[in-house]
Amino acid sequence: MLQTRKLFQFFIMLNISLGVLLLGSISSYSQDNFSEDSDDHLESSLEDYRKENQKLVKSIQDNHGGSKSSALGSLDLDKLRPLVKNLNSIYSRMSYQASREQVEQNIGQSPAKGVAKTFPKTVDFMTHLLRDNRALLGLLDMFKDKKKLTYFLLANIFTFILGFILARMSSKKGSIFKRLFGWIFRKTFIFGLRIFILIFFFGSELAPTFNIFQNVFL
């Protein structure tokens, strides 16, 4: 049961990590305000991004013990797959309401409890995710190719650099509405680019999770 709880927390942190990689750190957004001049502090924002991802990795390691001898600690996919299937079997055999209550209790004991309070539908999303026999395995398959993961991370760092280049190229003159439109355009473009990168690298693995997200939140 302890192993199941650790695996559950691993997938919670994985979903939070995907959100951070997609949207970027909050600090980078606060530094790129449409009313500021072009001194956007790229180096410090990339450092914040790196630290944020280090915190997420540490949280994942802490939640499954960090032991090199365990399947969760070493991310041994061959050993994790049967554990994931067992986790899915446990939740899919329960009624939806019973599994939702269990998910809510587990989230309350995880680092994501604040997220669940702010966005209650997170509980429904995780419940559907754990009951789906393809979504969890798809998320796990994202770790199969280490080279692809490295390229994915580099592509996301590129979006940070591109965002600052576009900010420096944008005109600081004109009406506030013109500058606001330019700021919204840049943010929308970068957000769309990050979605494209995520789908390009992991589209097939994330398709079941995206379907659940669409049904719950949209």
N, C-alpha and C. Protein backbone atom coordinates (compact mmCIF):
# COMPACT_ATOMS: atom_id res chain seq x y z
N MET A 1 0.84 -1.21 0.00
CA MET A 1 0.00 0.00 0.00
C MET A 1 0.87 1.26 0.00
N LEU A 2 2.00 1.20 0.72
CA LEU A 2 2.92 2.33 0.75
C LEU A 2 3.51 2.58 -0.63
N GLN A 3 3.86 1.49 -1.33
CA GLN A 3 4.40 1.62 -2.68
C GLN A 3 3.37 2.24 -3.61
N THR A 4 2.10 1.85 -3.45
CA THR A 4 1.02 2.41 -4.27
C THR A 4 0.87 3.89 -4.03
N ARG A 5 0.94 4.31 -2.76
CA ARG A 5 0.81 5.74 -2.43
C ARG A 5 1.97 6.53 -3.01
N LYS A 6 3.18 5.99 -2.93
CA LYS A 6 4.34 6.68 -3.50
C LYS A 6 4.19 6.82 -5.02
N LEU A 7 3.68 5.77 -5.66
CA LEU A 7 3.49 5.82 -7.10
C LEU A 7 2.42 6.84 -7.46
N PHE A 8 1.37 6.91 -6.65
CA PHE A 8 0.32 7.90 -6.86
C PHE A 8 0.90 9.31 -6.77
N GLN A 9 1.72 9.58 -5.77
CA GLN A 9 2.33 10.90 -5.60
C GLN A 9 3.30 11.20 -6.73
N PHE A 10 3.96 10.17 -7.24
CA PHE A 10 4.85 10.37 -8.38
C PHE A 10 4.08 10.93 -9.58
N PHE A 11 2.91 10.38 -9.88
CA PHE A 11 2.14 10.85 -11.02
C PHE A 11 1.55 12.23 -10.77
N ILE A 12 1.25 12.57 -9.52
CA ILE A 12 0.81 13.93 -9.21
C ILE A 12 1.93 14.91 -9.54
N MET A 13 3.14 14.62 -9.08
CA MET A 13 4.26 15.52 -9.32
C MET A 13 4.63 15.57 -10.80
N LEU A 14 4.44 14.45 -11.50
CA LEU A 14 4.71 14.45 -12.94
C LEU A 14 3.78 15.40 -13.67
N ASN A 15 2.50 15.41 -13.29
CA ASN A 15 1.55 16.32 -13.93
C ASN A 15 1.85 17.77 -13.61
N ILE A 16 2.29 18.06 -12.37
CA ILE A 16 2.69 19.42 -12.03
C ILE A 16 3.92 19.82 -12.83
N SER A 17 4.87 18.89 -12.99
CA SER A 17 6.08 19.18 -13.77
C SER A 17 5.74 19.53 -15.21
N LEU A 18 4.80 18.80 -15.79
CA LEU A 18 4.39 19.09 -17.17
C LEU A 18 3.82 20.50 -17.27
N GLY A 19 3.06 20.88 -16.24
CA GLY A 19 2.49 22.22 -16.24
C GLY A 19 3.56 23.29 -16.17
N VAL A 20 4.58 23.06 -15.35
CA VAL A 20 5.66 24.04 -15.22
C VAL A 20 6.47 24.13 -16.51
N LEU A 21 6.76 22.97 -17.11
CA LEU A 21 7.51 22.97 -18.35
C LEU A 21 6.75 23.66 -19.47
N LEU A 22 5.43 23.50 -19.46
CA LEU A 22 4.61 24.09 -20.51
C LEU A 22 4.45 25.59 -20.34
N LEU A 23 4.14 26.01 -19.13
CA LEU A 23 3.82 27.42 -18.90
C LEU A 23 5.04 28.26 -18.55
N GLY A 24 6.08 27.61 -18.00
CA GLY A 24 7.26 28.36 -17.58
C GLY A 24 7.09 28.83 -16.15
N SER A 25 8.18 29.33 -15.57
CA SER A 25 8.12 29.78 -14.19
C SER A 25 7.33 31.07 -14.08
N ILE A 26 6.67 31.27 -12.95
CA ILE A 26 5.87 32.46 -12.71
C ILE A 26 6.74 33.71 -12.74
N SER A 27 7.96 33.58 -12.27
CA SER A 27 8.83 34.75 -12.22
C SER A 27 9.10 35.33 -13.60
N SER A 28 9.22 34.47 -14.61
CA SER A 28 9.51 34.98 -15.95
C SER A 28 8.35 35.79 -16.48
N TYR A 29 7.14 35.44 -16.10
CA TYR A 29 5.98 36.19 -16.55
C TYR A 29 5.91 37.54 -15.84
N SER A 30 6.23 37.54 -14.56
CA SER A 30 6.14 38.78 -13.82
C SER A 30 7.20 39.78 -14.27
N GLN A 31 8.33 39.28 -14.80
CA GLN A 31 9.39 40.18 -15.23
C GLN A 31 9.12 40.77 -16.61
N ASP A 32 8.26 40.13 -17.41
CA ASP A 32 8.01 40.60 -18.76
C ASP A 32 6.66 41.29 -18.81
N ASN A 33 6.58 42.47 -18.21
CA ASN A 33 5.33 43.23 -18.21
C ASN A 33 5.32 44.17 -19.39
N PHE A 34 4.15 44.33 -20.03
CA PHE A 34 4.09 45.12 -21.25
C PHE A 34 4.42 46.59 -21.03
N SER A 35 4.34 47.04 -19.77
CA SER A 35 4.59 48.46 -19.49
C SER A 35 6.03 48.75 -19.08
N GLU A 36 6.87 47.69 -18.97
CA GLU A 36 8.24 47.90 -18.54
C GLU A 36 9.14 48.15 -19.74
N ASP A 37 10.40 48.59 -19.48
CA ASP A 37 11.36 48.72 -20.57
C ASP A 37 11.90 47.34 -20.90
N SER A 38 12.88 47.28 -21.82
CA SER A 38 13.29 45.99 -22.38
C SER A 38 14.37 45.28 -21.58
N ASP A 39 14.72 45.75 -20.41
CA ASP A 39 15.72 45.09 -19.58
C ASP A 39 15.05 43.94 -18.84
N ASP A 40 14.99 42.76 -19.48
CA ASP A 40 14.13 41.69 -19.01
C ASP A 40 14.84 40.64 -18.15
N HIS A 41 16.15 40.77 -17.93
CA HIS A 41 16.88 39.88 -17.02
C HIS A 41 16.74 38.41 -17.41
N LEU A 42 17.14 38.08 -18.62
CA LEU A 42 17.02 36.72 -19.13
C LEU A 42 17.77 35.73 -18.27
N GLU A 43 18.98 36.07 -17.87
CA GLU A 43 19.82 35.13 -17.12
C GLU A 43 19.17 34.74 -15.79
N SER A 44 18.62 35.73 -15.07
CA SER A 44 18.00 35.43 -13.78
C SER A 44 16.73 34.62 -13.95
N SER A 45 15.98 34.84 -15.03
CA SER A 45 14.76 34.08 -15.27
C SER A 45 15.06 32.63 -15.61
N LEU A 46 16.09 32.41 -16.42
CA LEU A 46 16.48 31.03 -16.71
C LEU A 46 16.97 30.31 -15.45
N GLU A 47 17.64 31.07 -14.58
CA GLU A 47 18.08 30.48 -13.31
C GLU A 47 16.88 30.11 -12.45
N ASP A 48 15.85 30.98 -12.42
CA ASP A 48 14.63 30.66 -11.69
C ASP A 48 13.97 29.41 -12.26
N TYR A 49 13.95 29.32 -13.59
CA TYR A 49 13.36 28.15 -14.27
C TYR A 49 14.10 26.87 -13.87
N ARG A 50 15.43 26.95 -13.88
CA ARG A 50 16.23 25.78 -13.52
C ARG A 50 15.99 25.37 -12.06
N LYS A 51 15.93 26.36 -11.15
CA LYS A 51 15.70 26.06 -9.74
C LYS A 51 14.32 25.45 -9.52
N GLU A 52 13.32 25.96 -10.26
CA GLU A 52 11.96 25.44 -10.11
C GLU A 52 11.91 23.97 -10.50
N ASN A 53 12.57 23.61 -11.59
CA ASN A 53 12.59 22.21 -12.02
C ASN A 53 13.39 21.34 -11.07
N GLN A 54 14.44 21.91 -10.46
CA GLN A 54 15.19 21.16 -9.46
C GLN A 54 14.32 20.83 -8.25
N LYS A 55 13.47 21.81 -7.86
CA LYS A 55 12.56 21.57 -6.74
C LYS A 55 11.58 20.45 -7.06
N LEU A 56 11.09 20.43 -8.30
CA LEU A 56 10.14 19.40 -8.69
C LEU A 56 10.80 18.02 -8.68
N VAL A 57 12.03 17.96 -9.22
CA VAL A 57 12.75 16.68 -9.21
C VAL A 57 12.98 16.20 -7.78
N LYS A 58 13.38 17.12 -6.89
CA LYS A 58 13.62 16.76 -5.49
C LYS A 58 12.33 16.28 -4.82
N SER A 59 11.21 16.94 -5.13
CA SER A 59 9.93 16.53 -4.55
C SER A 59 9.56 15.12 -4.99
N ILE A 60 9.80 14.82 -6.28
CA ILE A 60 9.52 13.48 -6.78
C ILE A 60 10.41 12.45 -6.08
N GLN A 61 11.71 12.78 -5.97
CA GLN A 61 12.63 11.86 -5.30
C GLN A 61 12.24 11.63 -3.85
N ASP A 62 11.87 12.72 -3.14
CA ASP A 62 11.48 12.60 -1.74
C ASP A 62 10.23 11.75 -1.58
N ASN A 63 9.30 11.86 -2.53
CA ASN A 63 8.04 11.16 -2.40
C ASN A 63 8.14 9.67 -2.69
N HIS A 64 9.20 9.27 -3.44
CA HIS A 64 9.35 7.82 -3.55
C HIS A 64 10.71 7.36 -3.06
N GLY A 65 11.16 8.06 -1.98
CA GLY A 65 12.24 7.51 -1.18
C GLY A 65 13.63 7.81 -1.65
N GLY A 66 13.80 8.05 -2.99
CA GLY A 66 15.12 8.33 -3.51
C GLY A 66 16.08 7.15 -3.42
N SER A 67 15.57 5.97 -3.14
CA SER A 67 16.42 4.80 -3.01
C SER A 67 16.80 4.25 -4.38
N LYS A 68 18.08 4.04 -4.62
CA LYS A 68 18.52 3.51 -5.90
C LYS A 68 18.09 2.07 -6.10
N SER A 69 17.74 1.38 -5.05
CA SER A 69 17.38 -0.02 -5.16
C SER A 69 15.91 -0.22 -5.45
N SER A 70 15.09 0.81 -5.36
CA SER A 70 13.66 0.67 -5.59
C SER A 70 13.30 1.04 -7.01
N ALA A 71 12.17 0.49 -7.48
CA ALA A 71 11.72 0.79 -8.84
C ALA A 71 11.42 2.26 -8.99
N LEU A 72 10.82 2.86 -7.97
CA LEU A 72 10.46 4.26 -8.05
C LEU A 72 11.68 5.15 -7.95
N GLY A 73 12.64 4.77 -7.14
CA GLY A 73 13.82 5.60 -6.98
C GLY A 73 14.68 5.63 -8.22
N SER A 74 14.76 4.54 -8.95
CA SER A 74 15.62 4.48 -10.12
C SER A 74 14.86 4.67 -11.42
N LEU A 75 13.55 4.80 -11.36
CA LEU A 75 12.72 4.91 -12.56
C LEU A 75 12.99 3.76 -13.52
N ASP A 76 13.09 2.54 -13.01
CA ASP A 76 13.24 1.34 -13.83
C ASP A 76 11.88 1.05 -14.46
N LEU A 77 11.75 1.34 -15.75
CA LEU A 77 10.45 1.23 -16.41
C LEU A 77 9.91 -0.19 -16.41
N ASP A 78 10.80 -1.16 -16.55
CA ASP A 78 10.35 -2.56 -16.57
C ASP A 78 9.72 -2.96 -15.24
N LYS A 79 10.23 -2.39 -14.13
CA LYS A 79 9.66 -2.69 -12.83
C LYS A 79 8.46 -1.81 -12.51
N LEU A 80 8.44 -0.61 -13.08
CA LEU A 80 7.35 0.31 -12.80
C LEU A 80 6.05 -0.06 -13.52
N ARG A 81 6.17 -0.63 -14.71
CA ARG A 81 4.97 -0.91 -15.50
C ARG A 81 3.98 -1.82 -14.76
N PRO A 82 4.42 -2.94 -14.16
CA PRO A 82 3.45 -3.75 -13.41
C PRO A 82 2.87 -3.02 -12.20
N LEU A 83 3.66 -2.13 -11.57
CA LEU A 83 3.14 -1.34 -10.45
C LEU A 83 2.06 -0.37 -10.93
N VAL A 84 2.29 0.23 -12.10
CA VAL A 84 1.32 1.15 -12.67
C VAL A 84 0.03 0.40 -13.02
N LYS A 85 0.18 -0.77 -13.62
CA LYS A 85 -1.01 -1.57 -13.96
C LYS A 85 -1.78 -1.97 -12.71
N ASN A 86 -1.05 -2.28 -11.66
CA ASN A 86 -1.70 -2.64 -10.40
C ASN A 86 -2.44 -1.44 -9.81
N LEU A 87 -1.82 -0.25 -9.89
CA LEU A 87 -2.46 0.97 -9.40
C LEU A 87 -3.74 1.24 -10.17
N ASN A 88 -3.68 1.10 -11.48
CA ASN A 88 -4.86 1.29 -12.32
C ASN A 88 -5.94 0.28 -11.99
N SER A 89 -5.54 -0.96 -11.75
CA SER A 89 -6.51 -2.01 -11.42
C SER A 89 -7.22 -1.73 -10.11
N ILE A 90 -6.48 -1.20 -9.13
CA ILE A 90 -7.08 -0.90 -7.83
C ILE A 90 -8.17 0.15 -7.97
N TYR A 91 -7.86 1.24 -8.68
CA TYR A 91 -8.83 2.34 -8.80
C TYR A 91 -9.97 2.02 -9.76
N SER A 92 -9.70 1.26 -10.80
CA SER A 92 -10.76 0.95 -11.77
C SER A 92 -11.77 -0.03 -11.21
N ARG A 93 -11.37 -0.84 -10.22
CA ARG A 93 -12.33 -1.79 -9.60
C ARG A 93 -13.26 -1.08 -8.63
N MET A 94 -12.85 0.06 -8.13
CA MET A 94 -13.68 0.82 -7.19
C MET A 94 -14.74 1.62 -7.96
N SER A 95 -15.81 2.00 -7.28
CA SER A 95 -16.77 2.91 -7.89
C SER A 95 -16.10 4.27 -8.06
N TYR A 96 -16.65 5.09 -8.96
CA TYR A 96 -16.02 6.38 -9.21
C TYR A 96 -15.99 7.22 -7.94
N GLN A 97 -17.09 7.24 -7.18
CA GLN A 97 -17.15 8.05 -5.98
C GLN A 97 -16.13 7.59 -4.94
N ALA A 98 -16.02 6.26 -4.78
CA ALA A 98 -15.07 5.71 -3.81
C ALA A 98 -13.63 6.03 -4.22
N SER A 99 -13.35 5.89 -5.51
CA SER A 99 -11.99 6.18 -5.97
C SER A 99 -11.69 7.67 -5.86
N ARG A 100 -12.71 8.52 -6.10
CA ARG A 100 -12.50 9.96 -5.97
C ARG A 100 -12.18 10.35 -4.53
N GLU A 101 -12.89 9.74 -3.58
CA GLU A 101 -12.63 10.02 -2.17
C GLU A 101 -11.22 9.59 -1.79
N GLN A 102 -10.78 8.45 -2.33
CA GLN A 102 -9.42 7.98 -2.04
C GLN A 102 -8.38 8.92 -2.63
N VAL A 103 -8.63 9.39 -3.87
CA VAL A 103 -7.72 10.33 -4.53
C VAL A 103 -7.64 11.63 -3.73
N GLU A 104 -8.79 12.13 -3.29
CA GLU A 104 -8.82 13.37 -2.52
C GLU A 104 -8.02 13.24 -1.23
N GLN A 105 -8.14 12.08 -0.59
CA GLN A 105 -7.38 11.84 0.64
C GLN A 105 -5.88 11.79 0.36
N ASN A 106 -5.49 11.12 -0.73
CA ASN A 106 -4.07 11.01 -1.07
C ASN A 106 -3.47 12.34 -1.48
N ILE A 107 -4.24 13.14 -2.23
CA ILE A 107 -3.75 14.46 -2.63
C ILE A 107 -3.54 15.34 -1.40
N GLY A 108 -4.43 15.18 -0.41
CA GLY A 108 -4.31 15.95 0.82
C GLY A 108 -3.03 15.67 1.59
N GLN A 109 -2.38 14.52 1.28
CA GLN A 109 -1.12 14.16 1.94
C GLN A 109 0.09 14.37 1.03
N SER A 110 -0.13 15.06 -0.08
CA SER A 110 0.94 15.26 -1.06
C SER A 110 1.24 16.74 -1.22
N PRO A 111 2.36 17.09 -1.90
CA PRO A 111 2.68 18.51 -2.14
C PRO A 111 1.65 19.24 -2.99
N ALA A 112 0.72 18.49 -3.63
CA ALA A 112 -0.27 19.11 -4.51
C ALA A 112 -1.55 19.50 -3.80
N LYS A 113 -1.58 19.42 -2.47
CA LYS A 113 -2.83 19.69 -1.75
C LYS A 113 -3.30 21.13 -1.96
N GLY A 114 -2.36 22.07 -2.09
CA GLY A 114 -2.74 23.46 -2.33
C GLY A 114 -3.38 23.63 -3.70
N VAL A 115 -2.85 22.89 -4.70
CA VAL A 115 -3.41 22.96 -6.05
C VAL A 115 -4.84 22.43 -6.06
N ALA A 116 -5.08 21.33 -5.33
CA ALA A 116 -6.42 20.74 -5.29
C ALA A 116 -7.43 21.67 -4.64
N LYS A 117 -6.98 22.44 -3.63
CA LYS A 117 -7.89 23.39 -2.98
C LYS A 117 -8.24 24.54 -3.91
N THR A 118 -7.24 25.00 -4.65
CA THR A 118 -7.47 26.12 -5.56
C THR A 118 -8.27 25.68 -6.78
N PHE A 119 -7.98 24.48 -7.28
CA PHE A 119 -8.67 23.94 -8.46
C PHE A 119 -9.27 22.58 -8.10
N PRO A 120 -10.50 22.56 -7.56
CA PRO A 120 -11.12 21.31 -7.11
C PRO A 120 -11.24 20.25 -8.20
N LYS A 121 -11.33 20.67 -9.46
CA LYS A 121 -11.46 19.70 -10.54
C LYS A 121 -10.20 18.86 -10.73
N THR A 122 -9.11 19.29 -10.08
CA THR A 122 -7.89 18.50 -10.12
C THR A 122 -8.13 17.10 -9.57
N VAL A 123 -8.98 17.00 -8.55
CA VAL A 123 -9.31 15.70 -7.97
C VAL A 123 -10.01 14.82 -9.00
N ASP A 124 -10.96 15.40 -9.73
CA ASP A 124 -11.66 14.64 -10.77
C ASP A 124 -10.69 14.21 -11.88
N PHE A 125 -9.79 15.12 -12.24
CA PHE A 125 -8.82 14.81 -13.28
C PHE A 125 -7.94 13.63 -12.87
N MET A 126 -7.40 13.67 -11.64
CA MET A 126 -6.54 12.59 -11.18
C MET A 126 -7.32 11.28 -11.03
N THR A 127 -8.60 11.38 -10.65
CA THR A 127 -9.42 10.17 -10.52
C THR A 127 -9.60 9.49 -11.86
N HIS A 128 -9.97 10.27 -12.88
CA HIS A 128 -10.11 9.70 -14.23
C HIS A 128 -8.78 9.17 -14.74
N LEU A 129 -7.71 9.89 -14.44
CA LEU A 129 -6.39 9.48 -14.90
C LEU A 129 -6.00 8.11 -14.33
N LEU A 130 -6.24 7.94 -13.04
CA LEU A 130 -5.87 6.68 -12.38
C LEU A 130 -6.77 5.52 -12.79
N ARG A 131 -7.97 5.82 -13.25
CA ARG A 131 -8.89 4.76 -13.65
C ARG A 131 -8.73 4.38 -15.13
N ASP A 132 -7.99 5.20 -15.88
CA ASP A 132 -7.79 4.94 -17.30
C ASP A 132 -6.63 3.97 -17.50
N ASN A 133 -6.83 2.94 -18.30
CA ASN A 133 -5.79 1.91 -18.44
C ASN A 133 -4.72 2.26 -19.47
N ARG A 134 -4.83 3.43 -20.09
CA ARG A 134 -3.80 3.85 -21.05
C ARG A 134 -3.05 5.09 -20.62
N ALA A 135 -3.72 5.99 -19.90
CA ALA A 135 -3.13 7.29 -19.57
C ALA A 135 -1.87 7.16 -18.72
N LEU A 136 -1.93 6.37 -17.65
CA LEU A 136 -0.78 6.23 -16.77
C LEU A 136 0.42 5.63 -17.48
N LEU A 137 0.17 4.58 -18.28
CA LEU A 137 1.27 3.94 -19.01
C LEU A 137 1.85 4.90 -20.05
N GLY A 138 1.00 5.74 -20.62
CA GLY A 138 1.49 6.73 -21.57
C GLY A 138 2.42 7.72 -20.91
N LEU A 139 2.05 8.19 -19.71
CA LEU A 139 2.91 9.11 -18.97
C LEU A 139 4.24 8.45 -18.62
N LEU A 140 4.17 7.18 -18.27
CA LEU A 140 5.40 6.45 -17.93
C LEU A 140 6.31 6.31 -19.14
N ASP A 141 5.72 6.13 -20.31
CA ASP A 141 6.51 5.94 -21.53
C ASP A 141 7.29 7.20 -21.92
N MET A 142 6.92 8.34 -21.34
CA MET A 142 7.66 9.57 -21.63
C MET A 142 9.11 9.48 -21.16
N PHE A 143 9.38 8.57 -20.24
CA PHE A 143 10.74 8.44 -19.69
C PHE A 143 11.60 7.43 -20.45
N LYS A 144 11.05 6.82 -21.49
CA LYS A 144 11.78 5.76 -22.17
C LYS A 144 13.02 6.27 -22.89
N ASP A 145 12.89 7.40 -23.54
CA ASP A 145 13.97 7.92 -24.37
C ASP A 145 14.60 9.14 -23.69
N LYS A 146 15.76 8.95 -23.07
CA LYS A 146 16.43 10.03 -22.35
C LYS A 146 16.89 11.13 -23.30
N LYS A 147 17.28 10.75 -24.53
CA LYS A 147 17.71 11.76 -25.50
C LYS A 147 16.54 12.67 -25.87
N LYS A 148 15.36 12.08 -26.04
CA LYS A 148 14.18 12.89 -26.37
C LYS A 148 13.84 13.83 -25.23
N LEU A 149 13.97 13.37 -23.98
CA LEU A 149 13.72 14.23 -22.83
C LEU A 149 14.69 15.41 -22.79
N THR A 150 15.95 15.15 -23.13
CA THR A 150 16.95 16.23 -23.16
C THR A 150 16.60 17.27 -24.22
N TYR A 151 16.23 16.80 -25.40
CA TYR A 151 15.85 17.72 -26.47
C TYR A 151 14.60 18.51 -26.10
N PHE A 152 13.68 17.85 -25.39
CA PHE A 152 12.45 18.52 -24.96
C PHE A 152 12.77 19.66 -24.00
N LEU A 153 13.67 19.40 -23.05
CA LEU A 153 14.06 20.43 -22.09
C LEU A 153 14.77 21.59 -22.80
N LEU A 154 15.67 21.28 -23.74
CA LEU A 154 16.38 22.32 -24.48
C LEU A 154 15.41 23.16 -25.31
N ALA A 155 14.39 22.52 -25.88
CA ALA A 155 13.40 23.24 -26.67
C ALA A 155 12.61 24.21 -25.79
N ASN A 156 12.31 23.80 -24.56
CA ASN A 156 11.59 24.69 -23.65
C ASN A 156 12.46 25.86 -23.21
N ILE A 157 13.75 25.61 -23.00
CA ILE A 157 14.66 26.71 -22.68
C ILE A 157 14.74 27.69 -23.85
N PHE A 158 14.71 27.15 -25.07
CA PHE A 158 14.71 28.00 -26.26
C PHE A 158 13.51 28.94 -26.26
N THR A 159 12.34 28.46 -25.81
CA THR A 159 11.16 29.34 -25.79
C THR A 159 11.35 30.50 -24.83
N PHE A 160 12.09 30.30 -23.74
CA PHE A 160 12.40 31.40 -22.83
C PHE A 160 13.24 32.45 -23.54
N ILE A 161 14.29 31.97 -24.22
CA ILE A 161 15.18 32.90 -24.91
C ILE A 161 14.42 33.64 -26.01
N LEU A 162 13.60 32.91 -26.76
CA LEU A 162 12.82 33.52 -27.83
C LEU A 162 11.86 34.57 -27.28
N GLY A 163 11.24 34.26 -26.15
CA GLY A 163 10.32 35.21 -25.54
C GLY A 163 11.00 36.52 -25.19
N PHE A 164 12.23 36.46 -24.66
CA PHE A 164 12.96 37.67 -24.32
C PHE A 164 13.44 38.41 -25.56
N ILE A 165 13.80 37.68 -26.61
CA ILE A 165 14.19 38.33 -27.86
C ILE A 165 13.01 39.11 -28.43
N LEU A 166 11.83 38.47 -28.44
CA LEU A 166 10.64 39.15 -28.96
C LEU A 166 10.29 40.37 -28.10
N ALA A 167 10.51 40.25 -26.78
CA ALA A 167 10.22 41.38 -25.90
C ALA A 167 11.15 42.55 -26.20
N ARG A 168 12.41 42.26 -26.46
CA ARG A 168 13.37 43.34 -26.75
C ARG A 168 13.11 43.97 -28.12
N MET A 169 12.59 43.16 -29.05
CA MET A 169 12.32 43.67 -30.39
C MET A 169 11.04 44.50 -30.45
N SER A 170 10.16 44.29 -29.48
CA SER A 170 8.88 44.98 -29.52
C SER A 170 9.06 46.47 -29.21
N SER A 171 8.19 47.27 -29.80
CA SER A 171 8.26 48.72 -29.60
C SER A 171 7.70 49.09 -28.24
N LYS A 172 8.42 49.97 -27.53
CA LYS A 172 7.95 50.46 -26.23
C LYS A 172 7.21 51.78 -26.39
N LYS A 173 7.05 52.19 -27.64
CA LYS A 173 6.33 53.42 -27.90
C LYS A 173 4.90 53.10 -28.32
N GLY A 174 4.10 54.12 -28.44
CA GLY A 174 2.73 53.93 -28.84
C GLY A 174 1.78 53.90 -27.66
N SER A 175 0.52 53.68 -27.96
CA SER A 175 -0.51 53.70 -26.91
C SER A 175 -0.40 52.47 -26.03
N ILE A 176 -1.00 52.57 -24.86
CA ILE A 176 -0.99 51.44 -23.92
C ILE A 176 -1.71 50.24 -24.50
N PHE A 177 -2.74 50.48 -25.33
CA PHE A 177 -3.48 49.38 -25.93
C PHE A 177 -2.62 48.64 -26.96
N LYS A 178 -1.80 49.40 -27.70
CA LYS A 178 -0.90 48.78 -28.67
C LYS A 178 0.13 47.92 -27.96
N ARG A 179 0.69 48.45 -26.88
CA ARG A 179 1.69 47.68 -26.12
C ARG A 179 1.07 46.47 -25.45
N LEU A 180 -0.16 46.63 -24.96
CA LEU A 180 -0.86 45.50 -24.33
C LEU A 180 -1.14 44.42 -25.36
N PHE A 181 -1.55 44.82 -26.55
CA PHE A 181 -1.81 43.84 -27.63
C PHE A 181 -0.54 43.08 -27.97
N GLY A 182 0.60 43.82 -28.06
CA GLY A 182 1.87 43.16 -28.35
C GLY A 182 2.26 42.17 -27.27
N TRP A 183 2.03 42.55 -26.02
CA TRP A 183 2.36 41.66 -24.89
C TRP A 183 1.52 40.40 -24.92
N ILE A 184 0.21 40.55 -25.18
CA ILE A 184 -0.69 39.39 -25.25
C ILE A 184 -0.30 38.49 -26.42
N PHE A 185 0.05 39.11 -27.55
CA PHE A 185 0.46 38.32 -28.73
C PHE A 185 1.68 37.48 -28.42
N ARG A 186 2.70 38.09 -27.77
CA ARG A 186 3.91 37.34 -27.44
C ARG A 186 3.60 36.18 -26.52
N LYS A 187 2.79 36.44 -25.48
CA LYS A 187 2.48 35.38 -24.53
C LYS A 187 1.70 34.25 -25.20
N THR A 188 0.75 34.61 -26.05
CA THR A 188 -0.04 33.60 -26.75
C THR A 188 0.83 32.78 -27.69
N PHE A 189 1.75 33.46 -28.39
CA PHE A 189 2.64 32.77 -29.32
C PHE A 189 3.54 31.78 -28.58
N ILE A 190 4.16 32.24 -27.47
CA ILE A 190 5.05 31.36 -26.71
C ILE A 190 4.28 30.19 -26.10
N PHE A 191 3.09 30.47 -25.58
CA PHE A 191 2.27 29.40 -25.01
C PHE A 191 1.93 28.37 -26.07
N GLY A 192 1.52 28.84 -27.26
CA GLY A 192 1.21 27.92 -28.35
C GLY A 192 2.42 27.13 -28.79
N LEU A 193 3.58 27.78 -28.80
CA LEU A 193 4.82 27.09 -29.18
C LEU A 193 5.15 25.98 -28.19
N ARG A 194 4.93 26.24 -26.90
CA ARG A 194 5.21 25.22 -25.89
C ARG A 194 4.26 24.04 -26.01
N ILE A 195 3.01 24.31 -26.35
CA ILE A 195 2.06 23.22 -26.58
C ILE A 195 2.51 22.39 -27.78
N PHE A 196 2.92 23.09 -28.85
CA PHE A 196 3.40 22.38 -30.05
C PHE A 196 4.60 21.49 -29.71
N ILE A 197 5.56 22.03 -28.92
CA ILE A 197 6.75 21.26 -28.54
C ILE A 197 6.35 20.02 -27.75
N LEU A 198 5.43 20.20 -26.81
CA LEU A 198 4.98 19.07 -25.99
C LEU A 198 4.34 17.99 -26.85
N ILE A 199 3.47 18.41 -27.78
CA ILE A 199 2.79 17.45 -28.65
C ILE A 199 3.78 16.81 -29.62
N PHE A 200 4.73 17.61 -30.12
CA PHE A 200 5.72 17.09 -31.06
C PHE A 200 6.53 15.96 -30.44
N PHE A 201 6.98 16.15 -29.21
CA PHE A 201 7.82 15.15 -28.56
C PHE A 201 7.02 14.00 -27.94
N PHE A 202 5.87 14.32 -27.35
CA PHE A 202 5.15 13.31 -26.56
C PHE A 202 3.66 13.24 -26.90
N GLY A 203 3.30 13.56 -28.13
CA GLY A 203 1.88 13.59 -28.50
C GLY A 203 1.17 12.26 -28.28
N SER A 204 1.77 11.17 -28.74
CA SER A 204 1.11 9.86 -28.61
C SER A 204 1.03 9.41 -27.15
N GLU A 205 2.09 9.71 -26.38
CA GLU A 205 2.09 9.30 -24.97
C GLU A 205 1.06 10.09 -24.15
N LEU A 206 0.85 11.36 -24.53
CA LEU A 206 -0.02 12.24 -23.75
C LEU A 206 -1.46 12.28 -24.26
N ALA A 207 -1.75 11.64 -25.39
CA ALA A 207 -3.09 11.72 -25.98
C ALA A 207 -4.19 11.29 -25.00
N PRO A 208 -4.06 10.15 -24.29
CA PRO A 208 -5.12 9.78 -23.34
C PRO A 208 -5.28 10.80 -22.20
N THR A 209 -4.16 11.36 -21.74
CA THR A 209 -4.22 12.36 -20.67
C THR A 209 -4.87 13.65 -21.17
N PHE A 210 -4.54 14.06 -22.38
CA PHE A 210 -5.15 15.24 -22.97
C PHE A 210 -6.67 15.06 -23.10
N ASN A 211 -7.11 13.87 -23.48
CA ASN A 211 -8.55 13.60 -23.61
C ASN A 211 -9.25 13.74 -22.28
N ILE A 212 -8.62 13.22 -21.23
CA ILE A 212 -9.20 13.34 -19.89
C ILE A 212 -9.24 14.80 -19.46
N PHE A 213 -8.15 15.54 -19.71
CA PHE A 213 -8.09 16.95 -19.37
C PHE A 213 -9.21 17.72 -20.07
N GLN A 214 -9.42 17.42 -21.34
CA GLN A 214 -10.46 18.10 -22.12
C GLN A 214 -11.84 17.82 -21.54
N ASN A 215 -12.09 16.57 -21.19
CA ASN A 215 -13.41 16.20 -20.67
C ASN A 215 -13.67 16.80 -19.30
N VAL A 216 -12.64 16.98 -18.49
CA VAL A 216 -12.83 17.46 -17.12
C VAL A 216 -12.85 18.98 -17.06
N PHE A 217 -11.91 19.64 -17.75
CA PHE A 217 -11.74 21.08 -17.58
C PHE A 217 -12.39 21.93 -18.67
N LEU A 218 -12.65 21.34 -19.85
CA LEU A 218 -13.16 22.15 -20.95
C LEU A 218 -14.63 21.85 -21.25
